Amino acid sequence: MWSVDGTEWSIPCTVERTSEMTSSEISGMLLDKTYFNDVIGTFLRYSLRVAVPQGYEEQFNSLYEILTEPVDGHAFTFPYAGGVISVTGRVENIRDSWVRLPNGKQKWRGIAFDVLPNHPQKTVSLGDVLTRGVAPLPDETDVNVGETYQYAQSGWEIIDDAEDNLY
């Protein structure tokens, strides 16, 4: 079962998820040619395809109206790891199609849309980073603006003294 804004939907659907690890704008190549990745977190993007079997037309129309409301986001629940996950996110790329069937009847075939979460579902704390083998910055009481630190196997070391950069 899945829900939008607290309303559970029994309309058959498929849910596809894509994990996107997002980094901040300060990520990039460092002077020593290593890549620094300032990870913000992992966003789980959901893509849904909803069918419209006979007898579900009213539910389909209600869902379409909710999804196309001009709001910043909706509260969704999806199946996840044997349970459910709650996601608050915006709806994008709503697509549906009107078809004419061979018997002359016409109907909406289904709807597809993407849910982009407002916040990452997985994040890394400073404590996590420090326990993964990177030593904390030196605890210096006399730190100068402009000093540059480099991480070596033995720990952090100053590679550019601020006093050398004074005019």
C-alpha atoms as a PDB file:
ATOM      1  CA  MET A   1       0.000   0.000   0.000  1.00  0.00           C
ATOM      2  CA  TRP A   2       1.120   3.551  -0.610  1.00  0.00           C
ATOM      3  CA  SER A   3      -0.321   6.888   0.432  1.00  0.00           C
ATOM      4  CA  VAL A   4      -0.366  10.576  -0.438  1.00  0.00           C
ATOM      5  CA  ASP A   5      -1.107  13.130   2.294  1.00  0.00           C
ATOM      6  CA  GLY A   6      -2.467  10.400   4.580  1.00  0.00           C
ATOM      7  CA  THR A   7      -4.846   8.882   2.015  1.00  0.00           C
ATOM      8  CA  GLU A   8      -4.085   5.273   1.124  1.00  0.00           C
ATOM      9  CA  TRP A   9      -4.540   4.302  -2.510  1.00  0.00           C
ATOM     10  CA  SER A  10      -5.584   0.863  -3.663  1.00  0.00           C
ATOM     11  CA  ILE A  11      -5.009   1.738  -7.318  1.00  0.00           C
ATOM     12  CA  PRO A  12      -2.477  -0.732  -8.744  1.00  0.00           C
ATOM     13  CA  CYS A  13       0.910   0.837  -9.384  1.00  0.00           C
ATOM     14  CA  THR A  14       4.603   0.193  -9.769  1.00  0.00           C
ATOM     15  CA  VAL A  15       7.127   2.117  -7.712  1.00  0.00           C
ATOM     16  CA  GLU A  16      10.676   2.549  -8.967  1.00  0.00           C
ATOM     17  CA  ARG A  17      13.332   4.190  -6.847  1.00  0.00           C
ATOM     18  CA  THR A  18      16.628   5.758  -7.761  1.00  0.00           C
ATOM     19  CA  SER A  19      19.309   6.644  -5.213  1.00  0.00           C
ATOM     20  CA  GLU A  20      21.033   9.950  -5.899  1.00  0.00           C
ATOM     21  CA  MET A  21      24.056  10.841  -3.775  1.00  0.00           C
ATOM     22  CA  THR A  22      24.236  14.619  -3.821  1.00  0.00           C
ATOM     23  CA  SER A  23      27.321  16.695  -3.077  1.00  0.00           C
ATOM     24  CA  SER A  24      27.663  20.368  -2.237  1.00  0.00           C
ATOM     25  CA  GLU A  25      29.156  22.990  -4.546  1.00  0.00           C
ATOM     26  CA  ILE A  26      32.467  22.906  -2.645  1.00  0.00           C
ATOM     27  CA  SER A  27      33.174  19.370  -3.905  1.00  0.00           C
ATOM     28  CA  GLY A  28      35.854  19.106  -6.549  1.00  0.00           C
ATOM     29  CA  MET A  29      39.464  18.504  -7.442  1.00  0.00           C
ATOM     30  CA  LEU A  30      42.022  19.578  -4.849  1.00  0.00           C
ATOM     31  CA  LEU A  31      45.486  20.966  -5.580  1.00  0.00           C
ATOM     32  CA  ASP A  32      47.091  17.580  -4.897  1.00  0.00           C
ATOM     33  CA  LYS A  33      44.868  16.063  -7.649  1.00  0.00           C
ATOM     34  CA  THR A  34      42.613  14.139  -5.282  1.00  0.00           C
ATOM     35  CA  TYR A  35      38.867  14.563  -5.406  1.00  0.00           C
ATOM     36  CA  PHE A  36      37.148  16.056  -2.365  1.00  0.00           C
ATOM     37  CA  ASN A  37      33.492  15.060  -2.117  1.00  0.00           C
ATOM     38  CA  ASP A  38      31.387  17.029   0.367  1.00  0.00           C
ATOM     39  CA  VAL A  39      28.416  14.665   0.443  1.00  0.00           C
ATOM     40  CA  ILE A  40      25.113  16.235   1.490  1.00  0.00           C
ATOM     41  CA  GLY A  41      23.308  12.910   1.560  1.00  0.00           C
ATOM     42  CA  THR A  42      21.425  10.308  -0.424  1.00  0.00           C
ATOM     43  CA  PHE A  43      18.079  11.282  -1.907  1.00  0.00           C
ATOM     44  CA  LEU A  44      15.723   8.448  -2.885  1.00  0.00           C
ATOM     45  CA  ARG A  45      13.766   9.574  -5.960  1.00  0.00           C
ATOM     46  CA  TYR A  46      10.552   7.634  -6.549  1.00  0.00           C
ATOM     47  CA  SER A  47       8.921   7.152  -9.949  1.00  0.00           C
ATOM     48  CA  LEU A  48       5.373   5.823  -9.916  1.00  0.00           C
ATOM     49  CA  ARG A  49       3.263   4.417 -12.715  1.00  0.00           C
ATOM     50  CA  VAL A  50      -0.396   4.080 -11.764  1.00  0.00           C
ATOM     51  CA  ALA A  51      -2.790   1.941 -13.776  1.00  0.00           C
ATOM     52  CA  VAL A  52      -6.491   2.688 -14.209  1.00  0.00           C
ATOM     53  CA  PRO A  53      -8.315  -0.633 -14.228  1.00  0.00           C
ATOM     54  CA  GLN A  54     -12.047  -0.627 -14.797  1.00  0.00           C
ATOM     55  CA  GLY A  55     -13.837   0.506 -11.655  1.00  0.00           C
ATOM     56  CA  TYR A  56     -10.970   2.717 -10.394  1.00  0.00           C
ATOM     57  CA  GLU A  57     -11.736   5.802 -12.502  1.00  0.00           C
ATOM     58  CA  GLU A  58     -12.977   7.887  -9.527  1.00  0.00           C
ATOM     59  CA  GLN A  59      -9.872   7.124  -7.458  1.00  0.00           C
ATOM     60  CA  PHE A  60      -7.671   7.911 -10.450  1.00  0.00           C
ATOM     61  CA  ASN A  61      -9.360  11.294 -10.972  1.00  0.00           C
ATOM     62  CA  SER A  62      -9.023  12.147  -7.258  1.00  0.00           C
ATOM     63  CA  LEU A  63      -5.336  11.215  -7.287  1.00  0.00           C
ATOM     64  CA  TYR A  64      -4.725  13.312 -10.391  1.00  0.00           C
ATOM     65  CA  GLU A  65      -6.346  16.357  -8.741  1.00  0.00           C
ATOM     66  CA  ILE A  66      -4.211  15.970  -5.603  1.00  0.00           C
ATOM     67  CA  LEU A  67      -0.960  15.533  -7.533  1.00  0.00           C
ATOM     68  CA  THR A  68      -1.555  18.570  -9.749  1.00  0.00           C
ATOM     69  CA  GLU A  69      -2.318  20.963  -6.863  1.00  0.00           C
ATOM     70  CA  PRO A  70       0.154  23.877  -6.891  1.00  0.00           C
ATOM     71  CA  VAL A  71       1.824  23.130  -3.525  1.00  0.00           C
ATOM     72  CA  ASP A  72       5.475  22.778  -2.472  1.00  0.00           C
ATOM     73  CA  GLY A  73       5.108  19.094  -1.691  1.00  0.00           C
ATOM     74  CA  HIS A  74       3.115  16.171  -0.400  1.00  0.00           C
ATOM     75  CA  ALA A  75       3.627  13.546   2.304  1.00  0.00           C
ATOM     76  CA  PHE A  76       4.109  10.086   0.786  1.00  0.00           C
ATOM     77  CA  THR A  77       4.576   6.618   2.243  1.00  0.00           C
ATOM     78  CA  PHE A  78       6.075   3.834   0.152  1.00  0.00           C
ATOM     79  CA  PRO A  79       7.054   0.237   0.804  1.00  0.00           C
ATOM     80  CA  TYR A  80      10.675   0.089   1.992  1.00  0.00           C
ATOM     81  CA  ALA A  81      12.838  -2.698   3.462  1.00  0.00           C
ATOM     82  CA  GLY A  82       9.897  -4.823   4.611  1.00  0.00           C
ATOM     83  CA  GLY A  83       8.072  -1.816   6.069  1.00  0.00           C
ATOM     84  CA  VAL A  84       7.312   1.676   4.850  1.00  0.00           C
ATOM     85  CA  ILE A  85       9.238   4.902   4.458  1.00  0.00           C
ATOM     86  CA  SER A  86       7.745   8.386   4.796  1.00  0.00           C
ATOM     87  CA  VAL A  87       8.891  11.025   2.341  1.00  0.00           C
ATOM     88  CA  THR A  88       7.917  14.664   2.038  1.00  0.00           C
ATOM     89  CA  GLY A  89       8.620  15.824  -1.469  1.00  0.00           C
ATOM     90  CA  ARG A  90       7.535  17.639  -4.551  1.00  0.00           C
ATOM     91  CA  VAL A  91       5.810  16.001  -7.480  1.00  0.00           C
ATOM     92  CA  GLU A  92       7.334  16.481 -10.921  1.00  0.00           C
ATOM     93  CA  ASN A  93       6.782  15.226 -14.441  1.00  0.00           C
ATOM     94  CA  ILE A  94       3.151  14.184 -14.151  1.00  0.00           C
ATOM     95  CA  ARG A  95       2.247  12.278 -17.314  1.00  0.00           C
ATOM     96  CA  ASP A  96      -0.938  10.518 -18.366  1.00  0.00           C
ATOM     97  CA  SER A  97      -2.514   9.479 -21.642  1.00  0.00           C
ATOM     98  CA  TRP A  98      -5.984   9.358 -23.127  1.00  0.00           C
ATOM     99  CA  VAL A  99      -6.543   6.373 -25.421  1.00  0.00           C
ATOM    100  CA  ARG A 100      -9.194   5.238 -27.840  1.00  0.00           C
ATOM    101  CA  LEU A 101      -9.720   1.493 -27.578  1.00  0.00           C
ATOM    102  CA  PRO A 102     -10.578  -0.749 -30.557  1.00  0.00           C
ATOM    103  CA  ASN A 103     -14.192  -1.089 -29.349  1.00  0.00           C
ATOM    104  CA  GLY A 104     -14.655   2.682 -29.691  1.00  0.00           C
ATOM    105  CA  LYS A 105     -14.433   3.403 -25.960  1.00  0.00           C
ATOM    106  CA  GLN A 106     -12.093   6.090 -24.663  1.00  0.00           C
ATOM    107  CA  LYS A 107     -10.385   6.252 -21.298  1.00  0.00           C
ATOM    108  CA  TRP A 108      -7.370   7.442 -19.372  1.00  0.00           C
ATOM    109  CA  ARG A 109      -4.727   4.724 -19.519  1.00  0.00           C
ATOM    110  CA  GLY A 110      -2.742   5.686 -16.421  1.00  0.00           C
ATOM    111  CA  ILE A 111      -0.577   8.280 -14.780  1.00  0.00           C
ATOM    112  CA  ALA A 112       3.154   8.446 -14.125  1.00  0.00           C
ATOM    113  CA  PHE A 113       4.971  10.904 -11.882  1.00  0.00           C
ATOM    114  CA  ASP A 114       8.181  11.433  -9.939  1.00  0.00           C
ATOM    115  CA  VAL A 115       8.561  12.289  -6.252  1.00  0.00           C
ATOM    116  CA  LEU A 116      11.691  14.255  -5.341  1.00  0.00           C
ATOM    117  CA  PRO A 117      12.283  14.387  -1.571  1.00  0.00           C
ATOM    118  CA  ASN A 118      12.797  17.750   0.148  1.00  0.00           C
ATOM    119  CA  HIS A 119      15.517  16.256   2.381  1.00  0.00           C
ATOM    120  CA  PRO A 120      17.997  13.415   1.997  1.00  0.00           C
ATOM    121  CA  GLN A 121      16.904  10.108   3.509  1.00  0.00           C
ATOM    122  CA  LYS A 122      20.500   9.205   4.381  1.00  0.00           C
ATOM    123  CA  THR A 123      23.090  11.621   5.739  1.00  0.00           C
ATOM    124  CA  VAL A 124      26.542  11.453   7.272  1.00  0.00           C
ATOM    125  CA  SER A 125      27.310  13.160  10.578  1.00  0.00           C
ATOM    126  CA  LEU A 126      30.663  14.637  11.544  1.00  0.00           C
ATOM    127  CA  GLY A 127      31.055  11.791  14.028  1.00  0.00           C
ATOM    128  CA  ASP A 128      30.577   9.260  11.203  1.00  0.00           C
ATOM    129  CA  VAL A 129      33.268  10.986   9.151  1.00  0.00           C
ATOM    130  CA  LEU A 130      35.723  11.009  12.046  1.00  0.00           C
ATOM    131  CA  THR A 131      35.204   7.307  12.803  1.00  0.00           C
ATOM    132  CA  ARG A 132      35.894   6.366   9.174  1.00  0.00           C
ATOM    133  CA  GLY A 133      39.612   6.953   9.541  1.00  0.00           C
ATOM    134  CA  VAL A 134      40.099  10.686   8.951  1.00  0.00           C
ATOM    135  CA  ALA A 135      41.718  12.368  11.916  1.00  0.00           C
ATOM    136  CA  PRO A 136      40.163  15.582  13.227  1.00  0.00           C
ATOM    137  CA  LEU A 137      41.846  18.895  12.477  1.00  0.00           C
ATOM    138  CA  PRO A 138      44.613  19.804  14.945  1.00  0.00           C
ATOM    139  CA  ASP A 139      43.393  21.382  18.146  1.00  0.00           C
ATOM    140  CA  GLU A 140      45.448  24.557  17.837  1.00  0.00           C
ATOM    141  CA  THR A 141      44.759  27.454  20.157  1.00  0.00           C
ATOM    142  CA  ASP A 142      46.799  29.806  17.960  1.00  0.00           C
ATOM    143  CA  VAL A 143      45.302  29.326  14.495  1.00  0.00           C
ATOM    144  CA  ASN A 144      45.875  32.000  11.853  1.00  0.00           C
ATOM    145  CA  VAL A 145      43.478  32.910   9.082  1.00  0.00           C
ATOM    146  CA  GLY A 146      44.816  31.683   5.753  1.00  0.00           C
ATOM    147  CA  GLU A 147      46.579  28.562   6.983  1.00  0.00           C
ATOM    148  CA  THR A 148      46.103  25.550   4.737  1.00  0.00           C
ATOM    149  CA  TYR A 149      46.023  22.014   6.109  1.00  0.00           C
ATOM    150  CA  GLN A 150      46.722  18.795   4.251  1.00  0.00           C
ATOM    151  CA  TYR A 151      45.816  15.333   5.432  1.00  0.00           C
ATOM    152  CA  ALA A 152      48.683  12.830   5.421  1.00  0.00           C
ATOM    153  CA  GLN A 153      48.708   9.279   6.813  1.00  0.00           C
ATOM    154  CA  SER A 154      50.057  10.599  10.101  1.00  0.00           C
ATOM    155  CA  GLY A 155      47.326  13.261  10.421  1.00  0.00           C
ATOM    156  CA  TRP A 156      46.787  16.901   9.504  1.00  0.00           C
ATOM    157  CA  GLU A 157      49.740  19.199   8.844  1.00  0.00           C
ATOM    158  CA  ILE A 158      50.083  22.851   7.894  1.00  0.00           C
ATOM    159  CA  ILE A 159      51.316  23.173   4.313  1.00  0.00           C
ATOM    160  CA  ASP A 160      50.855  26.908   3.841  1.00  0.00           C
ATOM    161  CA  ASP A 161      51.595  29.264   6.719  1.00  0.00           C
ATOM    162  CA  ALA A 162      49.428  32.382   6.814  1.00  0.00           C
ATOM    163  CA  GLU A 163      52.394  34.605   7.711  1.00  0.00           C
ATOM    164  CA  ASP A 164      54.039  33.816   4.359  1.00  0.00           C
ATOM    165  CA  ASN A 165      50.995  35.272   2.578  1.00  0.00           C
ATOM    166  CA  LEU A 166      50.991  38.663   4.272  1.00  0.00           C
ATOM    167  CA  TYR A 167      51.546  41.686   1.995  1.00  0.00           C
END
